């Protein structure tokens, strides 16, 4: 089964943040962005987006406790 990929801008829109913030979050989680299609478009795997969201959510919950 093929894994779903999103452009950096589209993924950031779905999450509700700026694409630069998403790129920074991905770098902080050591998630590389190797998927580049013709035209220089960076593609992010759906599971990487989910991983970053989960880590951010867990960090927020830990900060509140």
N, C-alpha and C. Protein backbone atom coordinates (compact mmCIF):
# COMPACT_ATOMS: atom_id res chain seq x y z
N UNK A 1 0.84 -1.18 0.00
CA UNK A 1 0.00 0.00 0.00
C UNK A 1 0.89 1.25 0.00
N UNK A 2 0.54 2.22 -0.78
CA UNK A 2 1.30 3.45 -0.87
C UNK A 2 0.98 4.36 0.31
N UNK A 3 2.01 4.99 0.81
CA UNK A 3 1.85 5.91 1.92
C UNK A 3 1.50 7.30 1.39
N UNK A 4 0.65 8.00 2.10
CA UNK A 4 0.22 9.32 1.67
C UNK A 4 1.28 10.36 2.03
N UNK A 5 1.50 11.29 1.11
CA UNK A 5 2.47 12.38 1.30
C UNK A 5 1.78 13.72 1.09
N UNK A 6 2.25 14.71 1.81
CA UNK A 6 1.72 16.07 1.70
C UNK A 6 2.86 17.03 1.43
N UNK A 7 2.56 18.11 0.74
CA UNK A 7 3.56 19.16 0.60
C UNK A 7 3.72 19.83 1.96
N UNK A 8 4.83 20.49 2.17
CA UNK A 8 5.10 21.17 3.44
C UNK A 8 4.01 22.20 3.72
N UNK A 9 3.63 22.96 2.73
CA UNK A 9 2.61 24.00 2.91
C UNK A 9 1.24 23.39 3.22
N UNK A 10 0.88 22.34 2.52
CA UNK A 10 -0.41 21.69 2.74
C UNK A 10 -0.48 21.08 4.14
N UNK A 11 0.58 20.42 4.56
CA UNK A 11 0.62 19.81 5.89
C UNK A 11 0.51 20.88 6.97
N UNK A 12 1.20 21.98 6.79
CA UNK A 12 1.14 23.07 7.77
C UNK A 12 -0.27 23.64 7.86
N UNK A 13 -0.92 23.79 6.71
CA UNK A 13 -2.31 24.28 6.70
C UNK A 13 -3.24 23.33 7.43
N UNK A 14 -3.06 22.03 7.22
CA UNK A 14 -3.91 21.03 7.88
C UNK A 14 -3.75 21.09 9.40
N UNK A 15 -2.53 21.34 9.86
CA UNK A 15 -2.26 21.42 11.29
C UNK A 15 -2.68 22.77 11.86
N UNK A 16 -2.63 23.79 11.02
CA UNK A 16 -3.01 25.13 11.46
C UNK A 16 -1.84 25.96 11.94
N UNK A 17 -0.66 25.69 11.36
CA UNK A 17 0.54 26.46 11.71
C UNK A 17 1.22 26.94 10.44
N UNK A 18 2.23 27.80 10.61
CA UNK A 18 3.02 28.29 9.50
C UNK A 18 3.96 27.19 9.02
N UNK A 19 4.26 27.16 7.73
CA UNK A 19 5.12 26.10 7.20
C UNK A 19 6.53 26.15 7.78
N UNK A 20 6.99 27.36 8.12
CA UNK A 20 8.32 27.47 8.74
C UNK A 20 8.32 26.83 10.13
N UNK A 21 7.22 26.98 10.85
CA UNK A 21 7.10 26.35 12.17
C UNK A 21 7.11 24.83 12.03
N UNK A 22 6.38 24.32 11.04
CA UNK A 22 6.36 22.87 10.81
C UNK A 22 7.75 22.37 10.46
N UNK A 23 8.44 23.09 9.63
CA UNK A 23 9.80 22.69 9.25
C UNK A 23 10.71 22.66 10.48
N UNK A 24 10.55 23.64 11.36
CA UNK A 24 11.34 23.69 12.60
C UNK A 24 10.99 22.51 13.51
N UNK A 25 9.70 22.21 13.64
CA UNK A 25 9.27 21.07 14.46
C UNK A 25 9.84 19.77 13.92
N UNK A 26 9.80 19.60 12.61
CA UNK A 26 10.35 18.39 12.01
C UNK A 26 11.85 18.27 12.28
N UNK A 27 12.56 19.39 12.20
CA UNK A 27 14.00 19.39 12.47
C UNK A 27 14.26 19.03 13.93
N UNK A 28 13.44 19.56 14.85
CA UNK A 28 13.61 19.27 16.27
C UNK A 28 13.40 17.78 16.56
N UNK A 29 12.56 17.13 15.80
CA UNK A 29 12.29 15.70 15.96
C UNK A 29 13.23 14.84 15.10
N UNK A 30 14.19 15.48 14.46
CA UNK A 30 15.16 14.79 13.59
C UNK A 30 14.47 14.03 12.45
N UNK A 31 13.40 14.59 11.95
CA UNK A 31 12.71 14.00 10.81
C UNK A 31 13.23 14.70 9.56
N UNK A 32 13.88 13.92 8.73
CA UNK A 32 14.46 14.46 7.50
C UNK A 32 13.37 14.66 6.46
N UNK A 33 13.59 15.59 5.57
CA UNK A 33 12.65 15.86 4.49
C UNK A 33 13.29 15.50 3.15
N UNK A 34 13.51 14.21 2.91
CA UNK A 34 14.20 13.82 1.69
C UNK A 34 13.33 13.75 0.45
N UNK A 35 12.04 13.75 0.61
CA UNK A 35 11.15 13.56 -0.51
C UNK A 35 10.96 14.86 -1.27
N UNK A 36 11.67 14.99 -2.38
CA UNK A 36 11.54 16.19 -3.20
C UNK A 36 11.13 15.76 -4.59
N UNK A 37 10.04 16.30 -5.05
CA UNK A 37 9.56 15.99 -6.39
C UNK A 37 10.06 17.02 -7.37
N UNK A 38 9.77 16.79 -8.61
CA UNK A 38 10.14 17.77 -9.64
C UNK A 38 9.54 19.12 -9.27
N UNK A 39 10.27 20.15 -9.50
CA UNK A 39 9.82 21.48 -9.14
C UNK A 39 10.26 21.88 -7.73
N UNK A 40 11.01 21.00 -7.06
CA UNK A 40 11.55 21.33 -5.75
C UNK A 40 10.54 21.30 -4.62
N UNK A 41 9.43 20.59 -4.79
CA UNK A 41 8.39 20.52 -3.76
C UNK A 41 8.77 19.48 -2.71
N UNK A 42 8.86 19.89 -1.46
CA UNK A 42 9.18 18.98 -0.37
C UNK A 42 7.93 18.24 0.07
N UNK A 43 8.02 16.93 0.13
CA UNK A 43 6.88 16.12 0.51
C UNK A 43 7.14 15.46 1.86
N UNK A 44 6.11 15.44 2.71
CA UNK A 44 6.22 14.89 4.05
C UNK A 44 5.27 13.71 4.17
N UNK A 45 5.77 12.62 4.77
CA UNK A 45 4.92 11.46 4.97
C UNK A 45 3.88 11.74 6.04
N UNK A 46 2.70 11.19 5.85
CA UNK A 46 1.60 11.39 6.79
C UNK A 46 1.99 10.91 8.20
N UNK A 47 2.70 9.79 8.29
CA UNK A 47 3.07 9.29 9.62
C UNK A 47 4.05 10.21 10.33
N UNK A 48 4.89 10.94 9.57
CA UNK A 48 5.80 11.90 10.20
C UNK A 48 5.02 13.10 10.76
N UNK A 49 4.00 13.52 10.03
CA UNK A 49 3.15 14.61 10.52
C UNK A 49 2.46 14.18 11.81
N UNK A 50 1.91 12.97 11.80
CA UNK A 50 1.23 12.45 12.99
C UNK A 50 2.19 12.34 14.17
N UNK A 51 3.42 11.92 13.91
CA UNK A 51 4.43 11.79 14.97
C UNK A 51 4.74 13.13 15.60
N UNK A 52 4.90 14.15 14.79
CA UNK A 52 5.20 15.50 15.31
C UNK A 52 4.03 16.03 16.12
N UNK A 53 2.82 15.84 15.63
CA UNK A 53 1.64 16.31 16.36
C UNK A 53 1.54 15.61 17.71
N UNK A 54 1.75 14.31 17.73
CA UNK A 54 1.67 13.54 18.98
C UNK A 54 2.73 14.01 19.98
N UNK A 55 3.96 14.24 19.52
CA UNK A 55 5.03 14.71 20.41
C UNK A 55 4.70 16.07 20.97
N UNK A 56 4.18 16.96 20.15
CA UNK A 56 3.82 18.31 20.61
C UNK A 56 2.69 18.24 21.63
N UNK A 57 1.70 17.39 21.37
CA UNK A 57 0.58 17.24 22.28
C UNK A 57 1.05 16.68 23.62
N UNK A 58 1.92 15.67 23.59
CA UNK A 58 2.45 15.08 24.82
C UNK A 58 3.27 16.09 25.61
N UNK A 59 4.05 16.91 24.92
CA UNK A 59 4.87 17.93 25.59
C UNK A 59 3.98 18.96 26.27
N UNK A 60 2.90 19.35 25.60
CA UNK A 60 1.96 20.33 26.20
C UNK A 60 1.30 19.75 27.43
N UNK A 61 0.90 18.48 27.37
CA UNK A 61 0.25 17.84 28.51
C UNK A 61 1.21 17.70 29.68
N UNK A 62 2.46 17.38 29.40
CA UNK A 62 3.46 17.24 30.46
C UNK A 62 3.74 18.59 31.11
N UNK A 63 3.72 19.65 30.33
CA UNK A 63 3.98 20.99 30.87
C UNK A 63 2.86 21.43 31.80
N UNK A 64 1.65 20.98 31.54
CA UNK A 64 0.50 21.36 32.38
C UNK A 64 0.49 20.60 33.70
N UNK A 65 1.09 19.41 33.72
CA UNK A 65 1.05 18.57 34.93
C UNK A 65 2.00 19.03 36.00
